PDB file of N, CA and C in Angstrom:
ATOM      1  N   MET A   1       0.829  -1.179   0.000  1.00  0.00           N
ATOM      2  CA  MET A   1       0.000   0.000   0.000  1.00  0.00           C
ATOM      3  C   MET A   1       0.883   1.256   0.000  1.00  0.00           C
ATOM      4  N   LYS A   2       0.462   2.243  -0.725  1.00  0.00           N
ATOM      5  CA  LYS A   2       1.221   3.477  -0.859  1.00  0.00           C
ATOM      6  C   LYS A   2       1.073   4.343   0.391  1.00  0.00           C
ATOM      7  N   GLN A   3       2.203   4.902   0.879  1.00  0.00           N
ATOM      8  CA  GLN A   3       2.143   5.782   2.044  1.00  0.00           C
ATOM      9  C   GLN A   3       1.614   7.148   1.645  1.00  0.00           C
ATOM     10  N   LYS A   4       0.863   7.744   2.565  1.00  0.00           N
ATOM     11  CA  LYS A   4       0.306   9.064   2.320  1.00  0.00           C
ATOM     12  C   LYS A   4       1.424  10.109   2.357  1.00  0.00           C
ATOM     13  N   LYS A   5       1.410  11.020   1.413  1.00  0.00           N
ATOM     14  CA  LYS A   5       2.430  12.064   1.344  1.00  0.00           C
ATOM     15  C   LYS A   5       2.186  13.099   2.437  1.00  0.00           C
ATOM     16  N   ILE A   6       3.239  13.418   3.182  1.00  0.00           N
ATOM     17  CA  ILE A   6       3.152  14.416   4.246  1.00  0.00           C
ATOM     18  C   ILE A   6       3.668  15.743   3.694  1.00  0.00           C
ATOM     19  N   PRO A   7       2.834  16.804   3.726  1.00  0.00           N
ATOM     20  CA  PRO A   7       3.294  18.097   3.207  1.00  0.00           C
ATOM     21  C   PRO A   7       4.437  18.657   4.049  1.00  0.00           C
ATOM     22  N   GLU A   8       5.421  19.217   3.378  1.00  0.00           N
ATOM     23  CA  GLU A   8       6.579  19.791   4.062  1.00  0.00           C
ATOM     24  C   GLU A   8       6.709  21.263   3.702  1.00  0.00           C
ATOM     25  N   ARG A   9       7.260  22.029   4.635  1.00  0.00           N
ATOM     26  CA  ARG A   9       7.495  23.456   4.434  1.00  0.00           C
ATOM     27  C   ARG A   9       8.888  23.803   4.960  1.00  0.00           C
ATOM     28  N   VAL A  10       9.415  24.934   4.500  1.00  0.00           N
ATOM     29  CA  VAL A  10      10.736  25.404   4.913  1.00  0.00           C
ATOM     30  C   VAL A  10      10.584  26.478   5.981  1.00  0.00           C
ATOM     31  N   CYS A  11      11.360  26.367   7.050  1.00  0.00           N
ATOM     32  CA  CYS A  11      11.380  27.389   8.099  1.00  0.00           C
ATOM     33  C   CYS A  11      12.065  28.638   7.545  1.00  0.00           C
ATOM     34  N   LEU A  12      11.464  29.799   7.769  1.00  0.00           N
ATOM     35  CA  LEU A  12      12.055  31.057   7.286  1.00  0.00           C
ATOM     36  C   LEU A  12      13.394  31.357   7.946  1.00  0.00           C
ATOM     37  N   GLY A  13      13.574  30.898   9.180  1.00  0.00           N
ATOM     38  CA  GLY A  13      14.800  31.205   9.913  1.00  0.00           C
ATOM     39  C   GLY A  13      15.965  30.321   9.519  1.00  0.00           C
ATOM     40  N   CYS A  14      15.857  29.032   9.806  1.00  0.00           N
ATOM     41  CA  CYS A  14      16.973  28.107   9.594  1.00  0.00           C
ATOM     42  C   CYS A  14      17.000  27.515   8.189  1.00  0.00           C
ATOM     43  N   GLN A  15      15.936  27.723   7.409  1.00  0.00           N
ATOM     44  CA  GLN A  15      15.840  27.238   6.028  1.00  0.00           C
ATOM     45  C   GLN A  15      15.865  25.712   5.935  1.00  0.00           C
ATOM     46  N   LYS A  16      15.431  25.028   7.003  1.00  0.00           N
ATOM     47  CA  LYS A  16      15.364  23.568   6.994  1.00  0.00           C
ATOM     48  C   LYS A  16      13.945  23.122   6.674  1.00  0.00           C
ATOM     49  N   LEU A  17      13.840  21.946   6.102  1.00  0.00           N
ATOM     50  CA  LEU A  17      12.559  21.373   5.710  1.00  0.00           C
ATOM     51  C   LEU A  17      11.963  20.580   6.870  1.00  0.00           C
ATOM     52  N   PHE A  18      10.699  20.840   7.191  1.00  0.00           N
ATOM     53  CA  PHE A  18       9.992  20.154   8.270  1.00  0.00           C
ATOM     54  C   PHE A  18       8.606  19.753   7.782  1.00  0.00           C
ATOM     55  N   PRO A  19       8.005  18.733   8.420  1.00  0.00           N
ATOM     56  CA  PRO A  19       6.587  18.472   8.147  1.00  0.00           C
ATOM     57  C   PRO A  19       5.763  19.695   8.540  1.00  0.00           C
ATOM     58  N   LYS A  20       4.785  20.014   7.738  1.00  0.00           N
ATOM     59  CA  LYS A  20       3.979  21.231   7.914  1.00  0.00           C
ATOM     60  C   LYS A  20       3.394  21.349   9.318  1.00  0.00           C
ATOM     61  N   ARG A  21       2.937  20.246   9.891  1.00  0.00           N
ATOM     62  CA  ARG A  21       2.286  20.250  11.207  1.00  0.00           C
ATOM     63  C   ARG A  21       3.235  20.613  12.348  1.00  0.00           C
ATOM     64  N   GLU A  22       4.555  20.471  12.135  1.00  0.00           N
ATOM     65  CA  GLU A  22       5.532  20.764  13.184  1.00  0.00           C
ATOM     66  C   GLU A  22       5.918  22.241  13.233  1.00  0.00           C
ATOM     67  N   LEU A  23       5.479  23.021  12.256  1.00  0.00           N
ATOM     68  CA  LEU A  23       5.874  24.423  12.165  1.00  0.00           C
ATOM     69  C   LEU A  23       4.762  25.355  12.619  1.00  0.00           C
ATOM     70  N   ILE A  24       5.148  26.582  12.919  1.00  0.00           N
ATOM     71  CA  ILE A  24       4.205  27.639  13.284  1.00  0.00           C
ATOM     72  C   ILE A  24       3.926  28.440  12.016  1.00  0.00           C
ATOM     73  N   ARG A  25       2.659  28.661  11.721  1.00  0.00           N
ATOM     74  CA  ARG A  25       2.288  29.430  10.525  1.00  0.00           C
ATOM     75  C   ARG A  25       1.980  30.866  10.917  1.00  0.00           C
ATOM     76  N   VAL A  26       2.686  31.778  10.282  1.00  0.00           N
ATOM     77  CA  VAL A  26       2.409  33.207  10.422  1.00  0.00           C
ATOM     78  C   VAL A  26       1.632  33.594   9.174  1.00  0.00           C
ATOM     79  N   VAL A  27       0.503  34.275   9.365  1.00  0.00           N
ATOM     80  CA  VAL A  27      -0.371  34.565   8.233  1.00  0.00           C
ATOM     81  C   VAL A  27      -0.669  36.058   8.132  1.00  0.00           C
ATOM     82  N   ARG A  28      -0.725  36.544   6.888  1.00  0.00           N
ATOM     83  CA  ARG A  28      -1.197  37.903   6.628  1.00  0.00           C
ATOM     84  C   ARG A  28      -2.588  37.763   6.035  1.00  0.00           C
ATOM     85  N   SER A  29      -3.566  38.283   6.751  1.00  0.00           N
ATOM     86  CA  SER A  29      -4.957  38.171   6.301  1.00  0.00           C
ATOM     87  C   SER A  29      -5.186  39.079   5.093  1.00  0.00           C
ATOM     88  N   PRO A  30      -6.281  38.862   4.377  1.00  0.00           N
ATOM     89  CA  PRO A  30      -6.604  39.745   3.247  1.00  0.00           C
ATOM     90  C   PRO A  30      -6.743  41.215   3.666  1.00  0.00           C
ATOM     91  N   GLU A  31      -7.037  41.460   4.946  1.00  0.00           N
ATOM     92  CA  GLU A  31      -7.150  42.836   5.456  1.00  0.00           C
ATOM     93  C   GLU A  31      -5.783  43.432   5.792  1.00  0.00           C
ATOM     94  N   GLY A  32      -4.717  42.613   5.730  1.00  0.00           N
ATOM     95  CA  GLY A  32      -3.374  43.104   5.999  1.00  0.00           C
ATOM     96  C   GLY A  32      -2.920  42.926   7.436  1.00  0.00           C
ATOM     97  N   GLU A  33      -3.652  42.172   8.239  1.00  0.00           N
ATOM     98  CA  GLU A  33      -3.273  41.933   9.631  1.00  0.00           C
ATOM     99  C   GLU A  33      -2.418  40.673   9.717  1.00  0.00           C
ATOM    100  N   TYR A  34      -1.391  40.720  10.574  1.00  0.00           N
ATOM    101  CA  TYR A  34      -0.494  39.593  10.759  1.00  0.00           C
ATOM    102  C   TYR A  34      -0.810  38.906  12.082  1.00  0.00           C
ATOM    103  N   SER A  35      -0.792  37.574  12.060  1.00  0.00           N
ATOM    104  CA  SER A  35      -1.038  36.821  13.290  1.00  0.00           C
ATOM    105  C   SER A  35      -0.489  35.411  13.134  1.00  0.00           C
ATOM    106  N   ILE A  36      -0.474  34.689  14.256  1.00  0.00           N
ATOM    107  CA  ILE A  36      -0.070  33.293  14.229  1.00  0.00           C
ATOM    108  C   ILE A  36      -1.319  32.454  14.028  1.00  0.00           C
ATOM    109  N   ASP A  37      -1.249  31.563  13.069  1.00  0.00           N
ATOM    110  CA  ASP A  37      -2.383  30.702  12.727  1.00  0.00           C
ATOM    111  C   ASP A  37      -2.182  29.346  13.394  1.00  0.00           C
ATOM    112  N   HIS A  38      -2.919  29.103  14.466  1.00  0.00           N
ATOM    113  CA  HIS A  38      -2.775  27.856  15.215  1.00  0.00           C
ATOM    114  C   HIS A  38      -3.415  26.678  14.491  1.00  0.00           C
ATOM    115  N   THR A  39      -4.417  26.929  13.665  1.00  0.00           N
ATOM    116  CA  THR A  39      -5.131  25.851  12.978  1.00  0.00           C
ATOM    117  C   THR A  39      -4.502  25.499  11.636  1.00  0.00           C
ATOM    118  N   GLY A  40      -3.796  26.459  11.035  1.00  0.00           N
ATOM    119  CA  GLY A  40      -3.235  26.243   9.707  1.00  0.00           C
ATOM    120  C   GLY A  40      -4.255  26.409   8.602  1.00  0.00           C
ATOM    121  N   LYS A  41      -5.420  26.949   8.937  1.00  0.00           N
ATOM    122  CA  LYS A  41      -6.496  27.050   7.954  1.00  0.00           C
ATOM    123  C   LYS A  41      -6.993  28.469   7.708  1.00  0.00           C
ATOM    124  N   LYS A  42      -6.406  29.464   8.362  1.00  0.00           N
ATOM    125  CA  LYS A  42      -6.847  30.843   8.135  1.00  0.00           C
ATOM    126  C   LYS A  42      -6.547  31.239   6.696  1.00  0.00           C
ATOM    127  N   SER A  43      -7.406  32.085   6.153  1.00  0.00           N
ATOM    128  CA  SER A  43      -7.172  32.535   4.786  1.00  0.00           C
ATOM    129  C   SER A  43      -6.102  33.620   4.799  1.00  0.00           C
ATOM    130  N   GLY A  44      -5.351  33.667   3.736  1.00  0.00           N
ATOM    131  CA  GLY A  44      -4.296  34.659   3.615  1.00  0.00           C
ATOM    132  C   GLY A  44      -2.975  34.002   3.272  1.00  0.00           C
ATOM    133  N   ARG A  45      -1.976  34.826   3.094  1.00  0.00           N
ATOM    134  CA  ARG A  45      -0.640  34.356   2.739  1.00  0.00           C
ATOM    135  C   ARG A  45       0.074  33.877   3.987  1.00  0.00           C
ATOM    136  N   GLY A  46       0.691  32.719   3.929  1.00  0.00           N
ATOM    137  CA  GLY A  46       1.341  32.148   5.097  1.00  0.00           C
ATOM    138  C   GLY A  46       2.836  31.976   4.921  1.00  0.00           C
ATOM    139  N   ALA A  47       3.541  32.006   6.046  1.00  0.00           N
ATOM    140  CA  ALA A  47       4.969  31.714   6.106  1.00  0.00           C
ATOM    141  C   ALA A  47       5.183  30.867   7.354  1.00  0.00           C
ATOM    142  N   TYR A  48       6.209  30.043   7.344  1.00  0.00           N
ATOM    143  CA  TYR A  48       6.378  29.062   8.407  1.00  0.00           C
ATOM    144  C   TYR A  48       7.681  29.252   9.167  1.00  0.00           C
ATOM    145  N   LEU A  49       7.611  28.995  10.477  1.00  0.00           N
ATOM    146  CA  LEU A  49       8.764  29.056  11.376  1.00  0.00           C
ATOM    147  C   LEU A  49       8.776  27.825  12.257  1.00  0.00           C
ATOM    148  N   CYS A  50       9.983  27.340  12.606  1.00  0.00           N
ATOM    149  CA  CYS A  50      10.028  26.284  13.609  1.00  0.00           C
ATOM    150  C   CYS A  50       9.868  26.947  14.985  1.00  0.00           C
ATOM    151  N   HIS A  51       9.810  26.171  16.027  1.00  0.00           N
ATOM    152  CA  HIS A  51       9.477  26.687  17.358  1.00  0.00           C
ATOM    153  C   HIS A  51      10.652  27.378  18.052  1.00  0.00           C
ATOM    154  N   ASP A  52      11.758  27.557  17.374  1.00  0.00           N
ATOM    155  CA  ASP A  52      12.942  28.194  17.944  1.00  0.00           C
ATOM    156  C   ASP A  52      12.839  29.711  17.791  1.00  0.00           C
ATOM    157  N   LEU A  53      12.942  30.436  18.896  1.00  0.00           N
ATOM    158  CA  LEU A  53      12.849  31.899  18.865  1.00  0.00           C
ATOM    159  C   LEU A  53      14.018  32.511  18.082  1.00  0.00           C
ATOM    160  N   GLU A  54      15.155  31.807  18.048  1.00  0.00           N
ATOM    161  CA  GLU A  54      16.305  32.282  17.272  1.00  0.00           C
ATOM    162  C   GLU A  54      15.976  32.311  15.776  1.00  0.00           C
ATOM    163  N   CYS A  55      15.168  31.371  15.329  1.00  0.00           N
ATOM    164  CA  CYS A  55      14.763  31.349  13.913  1.00  0.00           C
ATOM    165  C   CYS A  55      13.927  32.577  13.578  1.00  0.00           C
ATOM    166  N   PHE A  56      13.077  32.981  14.514  1.00  0.00           N
ATOM    167  CA  PHE A  56      12.273  34.188  14.306  1.00  0.00           C
ATOM    168  C   PHE A  56      13.187  35.398  14.137  1.00  0.00           C
ATOM    169  N   GLU A  57      14.176  35.534  15.029  1.00  0.00           N
ATOM    170  CA  GLU A  57      15.094  36.673  14.954  1.00  0.00           C
ATOM    171  C   GLU A  57      15.933  36.630  13.676  1.00  0.00           C
ATOM    172  N   LEU A  58      16.364  35.444  13.291  1.00  0.00           N
ATOM    173  CA  LEU A  58      17.151  35.302  12.067  1.00  0.00           C
ATOM    174  C   LEU A  58      16.328  35.680  10.836  1.00  0.00           C
ATOM    175  N   ALA A  59      15.081  35.233  10.798  1.00  0.00           N
ATOM    176  CA  ALA A  59      14.196  35.575   9.676  1.00  0.00           C
ATOM    177  C   ALA A  59      13.924  37.074   9.640  1.00  0.00           C
ATOM    178  N   ARG A  60      13.808  37.666  10.808  1.00  0.00           N
ATOM    179  CA  ARG A  60      13.568  39.116  10.889  1.00  0.00           C
ATOM    180  C   ARG A  60      14.784  39.893  10.387  1.00  0.00           C
ATOM    181  N   LYS A  61      15.976  39.495  10.832  1.00  0.00           N
ATOM    182  CA  LYS A  61      17.207  40.177  10.423  1.00  0.00           C
ATOM    183  C   LYS A  61      17.440  40.068   8.920  1.00  0.00           C
ATOM    184  N   ALA A  62      17.181  38.896   8.374  1.00  0.00           N
ATOM    185  CA  ALA A  62      17.427  38.656   6.950  1.00  0.00           C
ATOM    186  C   ALA A  62      16.276  39.150   6.072  1.00  0.00           C
ATOM    187  N   ARG A  63      15.262  39.750   6.693  1.00  0.00           N
ATOM    188  CA  ARG A  63      14.113  40.321   5.991  1.00  0.00           C
ATOM    189  C   ARG A  63      13.351  39.266   5.178  1.00  0.00           C
ATOM    190  N   ARG A  64      13.324  38.058   5.703  1.00  0.00           N
ATOM    191  CA  ARG A  64      12.638  36.969   5.001  1.00  0.00           C
ATOM    192  C   ARG A  64      11.127  37.089   5.094  1.00  0.00           C
ATOM    193  N   PHE A  65      10.628  37.736   6.147  1.00  0.00           N
ATOM    194  CA  PHE A  65       9.184  37.965   6.241  1.00  0.00           C
ATOM    195  C   PHE A  65       8.740  38.905   5.127  1.00  0.00           C
ATOM    196  N   GLU A  66       9.516  39.980   4.907  1.00  0.00           N
ATOM    197  CA  GLU A  66       9.173  40.931   3.848  1.00  0.00           C
ATOM    198  C   GLU A  66       9.153  40.246   2.490  1.00  0.00           C
ATOM    199  N   ARG A  67      10.130  39.382   2.268  1.00  0.00           N
ATOM    200  CA  ARG A  67      10.210  38.675   0.993  1.00  0.00           C
ATOM    201  C   ARG A  67       9.025  37.722   0.833  1.00  0.00           C
ATOM    202  N   SER A  68       8.712  37.016   1.895  1.00  0.00           N
ATOM    203  CA  SER A  68       7.619  36.044   1.834  1.00  0.00           C
ATOM    204  C   SER A  68       6.257  36.716   1.665  1.00  0.00           C
ATOM    205  N   PHE A  69       6.056  37.828   2.391  1.00  0.00           N
ATOM    206  CA  PHE A  69       4.765  38.518   2.339  1.00  0.00           C
ATOM    207  C   PHE A  69       4.727  39.616   1.281  1.00  0.00           C
ATOM    208  N   GLN A  70       5.826  39.785   0.559  1.00  0.00           N
ATOM    209  CA  GLN A  70       5.916  40.713  -0.565  1.00  0.00           C
ATOM    210  C   GLN A  70       5.557  42.142  -0.185  1.00  0.00           C
ATOM    211  N   GLY A  71       6.182  42.648   0.879  1.00  0.00           N
ATOM    212  CA  GLY A  71       5.943  44.026   1.285  1.00  0.00           C
ATOM    213  C   GLY A  71       6.624  44.365   2.594  1.00  0.00           C
ATOM    214  N   GLN A  72       6.616  45.641   2.939  1.00  0.00           N
ATOM    215  CA  GLN A  72       7.208  46.116   4.187  1.00  0.00           C
ATOM    216  C   GLN A  72       6.378  45.664   5.386  1.00  0.00           C
ATOM    217  N   ILE A  73       7.074  45.368   6.485  1.00  0.00           N
ATOM    218  CA  ILE A  73       6.404  44.988   7.721  1.00  0.00           C
ATOM    219  C   ILE A  73       6.882  45.928   8.819  1.00  0.00           C
ATOM    220  N   ASP A  74       5.947  46.524   9.525  1.00  0.00           N
ATOM    221  CA  ASP A  74       6.230  47.478  10.589  1.00  0.00           C
ATOM    222  C   ASP A  74       6.840  46.773  11.803  1.00  0.00           C
ATOM    223  N   ASP A  75       7.682  47.485  12.563  1.00  0.00           N
ATOM    224  CA  ASP A  75       8.307  46.922  13.765  1.00  0.00           C
ATOM    225  C   ASP A  75       7.282  46.493  14.804  1.00  0.00           C
ATOM    226  N   THR A  76       6.157  47.182  14.868  1.00  0.00           N
ATOM    227  CA  THR A  76       5.125  46.803  15.842  1.00  0.00           C
ATOM    228  C   THR A  76       4.568  45.414  15.532  1.00  0.00           C
ATOM    229  N   VAL A  77       4.529  45.051  14.261  1.00  0.00           N
ATOM    230  CA  VAL A  77       4.072  43.715  13.868  1.00  0.00           C
ATOM    231  C   VAL A  77       5.062  42.670  14.373  1.00  0.00           C
ATOM    232  N   TYR A  78       6.367  42.941  14.202  1.00  0.00           N
ATOM    233  CA  TYR A  78       7.391  42.017  14.692  1.00  0.00           C
ATOM    234  C   TYR A  78       7.296  41.844  16.207  1.00  0.00           C
ATOM    235  N   GLU A  79       7.098  42.956  16.917  1.00  0.00           N
ATOM    236  CA  GLU A  79       6.993  42.891  18.377  1.00  0.00           C
ATOM    237  C   GLU A  79       5.781  42.068  18.795  1.00  0.00           C
ATOM    238  N   SER A  80       4.672  42.264  18.112  1.00  0.00           N
ATOM    239  CA  SER A  80       3.456  41.513  18.407  1.00  0.00           C
ATOM    240  C   SER A  80       3.659  40.020  18.141  1.00  0.00           C
ATOM    241  N   LEU A  81       4.277  39.686  17.019  1.00  0.00           N
ATOM    242  CA  LEU A  81       4.537  38.285  16.693  1.00  0.00           C
ATOM    243  C   LEU A  81       5.506  37.659  17.692  1.00  0.00           C
ATOM    244  N   ALA A  82       6.522  38.409  18.111  1.00  0.00           N
ATOM    245  CA  ALA A  82       7.478  37.896  19.099  1.00  0.00           C
ATOM    246  C   ALA A  82       6.773  37.592  20.417  1.00  0.00           C
ATOM    247  N   ARG A  83       5.851  38.473  20.833  1.00  0.00           N
ATOM    248  CA  ARG A  83       5.084  38.223  22.066  1.00  0.00           C
ATOM    249  C   ARG A  83       4.229  36.969  21.929  1.00  0.00           C
ATOM    250  N   GLU A  84       3.568  36.828  20.781  1.00  0.00           N
ATOM    251  CA  GLU A  84       2.722  35.648  20.559  1.00  0.00           C
ATOM    252  C   GLU A  84       3.550  34.366  20.566  1.00  0.00           C
ATOM    253  N   LEU A  85       4.735  34.410  19.933  1.00  0.00           N
ATOM    254  CA  LEU A  85       5.602  33.235  19.909  1.00  0.00           C
ATOM    255  C   LEU A  85       6.093  32.884  21.309  1.00  0.00           C
ATOM    256  N   ALA A  86       6.489  33.900  22.072  1.00  0.00           N
ATOM    257  CA  ALA A  86       6.959  33.663  23.436  1.00  0.00           C
ATOM    258  C   ALA A  86       5.838  33.089  24.297  1.00  0.00           C
ATOM    259  N   GLN A  87       4.639  33.606  24.129  1.00  0.00           N
ATOM    260  CA  GLN A  87       3.494  33.112  24.893  1.00  0.00           C
ATOM    261  C   GLN A  87       3.177  31.666  24.501  1.00  0.00           C
ATOM    262  N   GLU A  88       3.253  31.371  23.216  1.00  0.00           N
ATOM    263  CA  GLU A  88       2.982  30.013  22.747  1.00  0.00           C
ATOM    264  C   GLU A  88       4.011  29.034  23.308  1.00  0.00           C
ATOM    265  N   ARG A  89       5.265  29.462  23.367  1.00  0.00           N
ATOM    266  CA  ARG A  89       6.317  28.603  23.925  1.00  0.00           C
ATOM    267  C   ARG A  89       6.094  28.347  25.403  1.00  0.00           C
ATOM    268  N   SER A  90       5.659  29.377  26.144  1.00  0.00           N
ATOM    269  CA  SER A  90       5.434  29.207  27.583  1.00  0.00           C
ATOM    270  C   SER A  90       4.201  28.348  27.855  1.00  0.00           C
ATOM    271  N   ASP A  91       3.202  28.424  26.962  1.00  0.00           N
ATOM    272  CA  ASP A  91       2.006  27.587  27.111  1.00  0.00           C
ATOM    273  C   ASP A  91       2.316  26.133  26.783  1.00  0.00           C
ATOM    274  N   GLY A  92       3.310  25.974  25.903  1.00  0.00           N
ATOM    275  CA  GLY A  92       3.855  24.732  25.553  1.00  0.00           C
ATOM    276  C   GLY A  92       3.198  23.683  24.901  1.00  0.00           C
TER     277      GLY A  92
END
């Protein structure tokens, strides 16, 4: 019997390939709001990060979010995403 294909995505920070379910999805909604998508089903453009906070900082420094979302991202958005990631890590 054929095994089911598991979708994989690349982490914006470390550029490593992971199964989609193991990554955190950051999404830009059609209204232009950025948030973390816990379900993986929100509409909008998505980018993926592994659970390492260093990957978030690396992606931010290398401007990979801007490249992925095809536009400028305000510092307040980064701060908000960093808080959400830190909270998610503490909730565990």
